[in-house]
Amino acid sequence: MEKEDARKQTLLELHTRRKQVVRLHRQGLGVMGIVKLSGLSWPAVNAALKLFNEGGWTALQPKARGKETGNGRALSKEQE
């Protein structure tokens, strides 16, 4: 099975896949078994399990990507 790049998934897809990883792990599957079933890479599976262990189901919700609005500007608000 070809690996999927978790960075290219939408936030909803990523959240769904993270929940799937945790459910499979709670059923007794090992990390490498989840990698083979899901098509995700070992780091993506491991990261999802780490998030769940640290914060539960709510921690699996992905954060917004990219720069914050106004970040990286050359001029300050006063200069604009």
C-alpha atoms as a PDB file:
ATOM      1  CA  MET A   1       0.000   0.000   0.000  1.00  0.00           C
ATOM      2  CA  GLU A   2       1.288   3.430  -0.907  1.00  0.00           C
ATOM      3  CA  LYS A   3       1.796   5.905   1.945  1.00  0.00           C
ATOM      4  CA  GLU A   4      -0.376   9.009   2.139  1.00  0.00           C
ATOM      5  CA  ASP A   5       1.102  12.355   3.068  1.00  0.00           C
ATOM      6  CA  ALA A   6      -0.878  13.580   6.083  1.00  0.00           C
ATOM      7  CA  ARG A   7       0.217  17.144   5.329  1.00  0.00           C
ATOM      8  CA  LYS A   8      -1.829  17.120   2.110  1.00  0.00           C
ATOM      9  CA  GLN A   9      -5.107  16.063   3.726  1.00  0.00           C
ATOM     10  CA  THR A  10      -7.867  18.513   4.572  1.00  0.00           C
ATOM     11  CA  LEU A  11      -8.392  19.246   8.263  1.00  0.00           C
ATOM     12  CA  LEU A  12     -11.567  17.139   8.292  1.00  0.00           C
ATOM     13  CA  GLU A  13      -9.804  14.184   6.645  1.00  0.00           C
ATOM     14  CA  LEU A  14      -6.908  14.481   9.075  1.00  0.00           C
ATOM     15  CA  HIS A  15      -9.252  14.521  12.065  1.00  0.00           C
ATOM     16  CA  THR A  16     -11.101  11.451  10.765  1.00  0.00           C
ATOM     17  CA  ARG A  17      -7.858   9.556  10.146  1.00  0.00           C
ATOM     18  CA  ARG A  18      -6.534  10.418  13.617  1.00  0.00           C
ATOM     19  CA  LYS A  19      -9.714   9.066  15.216  1.00  0.00           C
ATOM     20  CA  GLN A  20      -9.409   5.917  13.102  1.00  0.00           C
ATOM     21  CA  VAL A  21      -5.805   5.420  14.271  1.00  0.00           C
ATOM     22  CA  VAL A  22      -6.791   5.715  17.926  1.00  0.00           C
ATOM     23  CA  ARG A  23      -9.741   3.327  17.525  1.00  0.00           C
ATOM     24  CA  LEU A  24      -7.519   0.710  15.889  1.00  0.00           C
ATOM     25  CA  HIS A  25      -4.890   1.105  18.606  1.00  0.00           C
ATOM     26  CA  ARG A  26      -7.507   0.710  21.347  1.00  0.00           C
ATOM     27  CA  GLN A  27      -8.636  -2.521  19.668  1.00  0.00           C
ATOM     28  CA  GLY A  28      -5.145  -3.892  20.252  1.00  0.00           C
ATOM     29  CA  LEU A  29      -3.427  -3.264  16.917  1.00  0.00           C
ATOM     30  CA  GLY A  30       0.211  -2.259  17.052  1.00  0.00           C
ATOM     31  CA  VAL A  31       1.595   0.831  15.380  1.00  0.00           C
ATOM     32  CA  MET A  32       3.029  -1.071  12.406  1.00  0.00           C
ATOM     33  CA  GLY A  33      -0.276  -2.868  11.899  1.00  0.00           C
ATOM     34  CA  ILE A  34      -2.061   0.479  11.812  1.00  0.00           C
ATOM     35  CA  VAL A  35       0.511   1.790   9.332  1.00  0.00           C
ATOM     36  CA  LYS A  36      -0.194  -1.133   7.009  1.00  0.00           C
ATOM     37  CA  LEU A  37      -3.991  -0.828   7.305  1.00  0.00           C
ATOM     38  CA  SER A  38      -4.334   2.938   7.106  1.00  0.00           C
ATOM     39  CA  GLY A  39      -1.653   3.828   4.568  1.00  0.00           C
ATOM     40  CA  LEU A  40      -0.351   6.568   6.830  1.00  0.00           C
ATOM     41  CA  SER A  41       3.320   6.828   7.700  1.00  0.00           C
ATOM     42  CA  TRP A  42       4.749   5.712  11.040  1.00  0.00           C
ATOM     43  CA  PRO A  43       5.354   9.346  12.169  1.00  0.00           C
ATOM     44  CA  ALA A  44       1.727  10.303  11.370  1.00  0.00           C
ATOM     45  CA  VAL A  45       0.346   7.323  13.316  1.00  0.00           C
ATOM     46  CA  ASN A  46       2.724   7.914  16.205  1.00  0.00           C
ATOM     47  CA  ALA A  47       1.842  11.620  16.340  1.00  0.00           C
ATOM     48  CA  ALA A  48      -1.889  10.856  16.492  1.00  0.00           C
ATOM     49  CA  LEU A  49      -1.392   8.395  19.347  1.00  0.00           C
ATOM     50  CA  LYS A  50       0.814  10.861  21.207  1.00  0.00           C
ATOM     51  CA  LEU A  51      -1.809  13.615  20.845  1.00  0.00           C
ATOM     52  CA  PHE A  52      -4.503  11.295  22.165  1.00  0.00           C
ATOM     53  CA  ASN A  53      -2.402  10.171  25.129  1.00  0.00           C
ATOM     54  CA  GLU A  54      -1.639  13.768  26.090  1.00  0.00           C
ATOM     55  CA  GLY A  55      -5.079  15.309  25.621  1.00  0.00           C
ATOM     56  CA  GLY A  56      -7.768  12.765  24.808  1.00  0.00           C
ATOM     57  CA  TRP A  57     -10.216  12.978  21.930  1.00  0.00           C
ATOM     58  CA  THR A  58     -10.258  16.786  21.834  1.00  0.00           C
ATOM     59  CA  ALA A  59      -6.496  16.901  21.224  1.00  0.00           C
ATOM     60  CA  LEU A  60      -6.977  15.087  17.905  1.00  0.00           C
ATOM     61  CA  GLN A  61      -8.693  18.121  16.370  1.00  0.00           C
ATOM     62  CA  PRO A  62      -6.108  19.655  13.990  1.00  0.00           C
ATOM     63  CA  LYS A  63      -5.158  23.305  14.321  1.00  0.00           C
ATOM     64  CA  ALA A  64      -5.452  25.793  11.452  1.00  0.00           C
ATOM     65  CA  ARG A  65      -2.512  25.774   9.058  1.00  0.00           C
ATOM     66  CA  GLY A  66      -0.470  28.592   7.605  1.00  0.00           C
ATOM     67  CA  LYS A  67       0.472  32.042   8.743  1.00  0.00           C
ATOM     68  CA  GLU A  68      -1.783  34.169  10.908  1.00  0.00           C
ATOM     69  CA  THR A  69      -3.317  37.182   9.206  1.00  0.00           C
ATOM     70  CA  GLY A  70      -0.841  40.061   9.180  1.00  0.00           C
ATOM     71  CA  ASN A  71       2.142  37.907  10.102  1.00  0.00           C
ATOM     72  CA  GLY A  72       5.308  38.496   8.044  1.00  0.00           C
ATOM     73  CA  ARG A  73       4.562  42.054   6.992  1.00  0.00           C
ATOM     74  CA  ALA A  74       7.463  44.335   6.117  1.00  0.00           C
ATOM     75  CA  LEU A  75       5.758  47.446   7.530  1.00  0.00           C
ATOM     76  CA  SER A  76       4.223  47.929  10.952  1.00  0.00           C
ATOM     77  CA  LYS A  77       0.609  49.084  11.251  1.00  0.00           C
ATOM     78  CA  GLU A  78       1.817  52.619  12.016  1.00  0.00           C
ATOM     79  CA  GLN A  79       4.022  52.697   8.911  1.00  0.00           C
ATOM     80  CA  GLU A  80       1.203  51.480   6.674  1.00  0.00           C
END
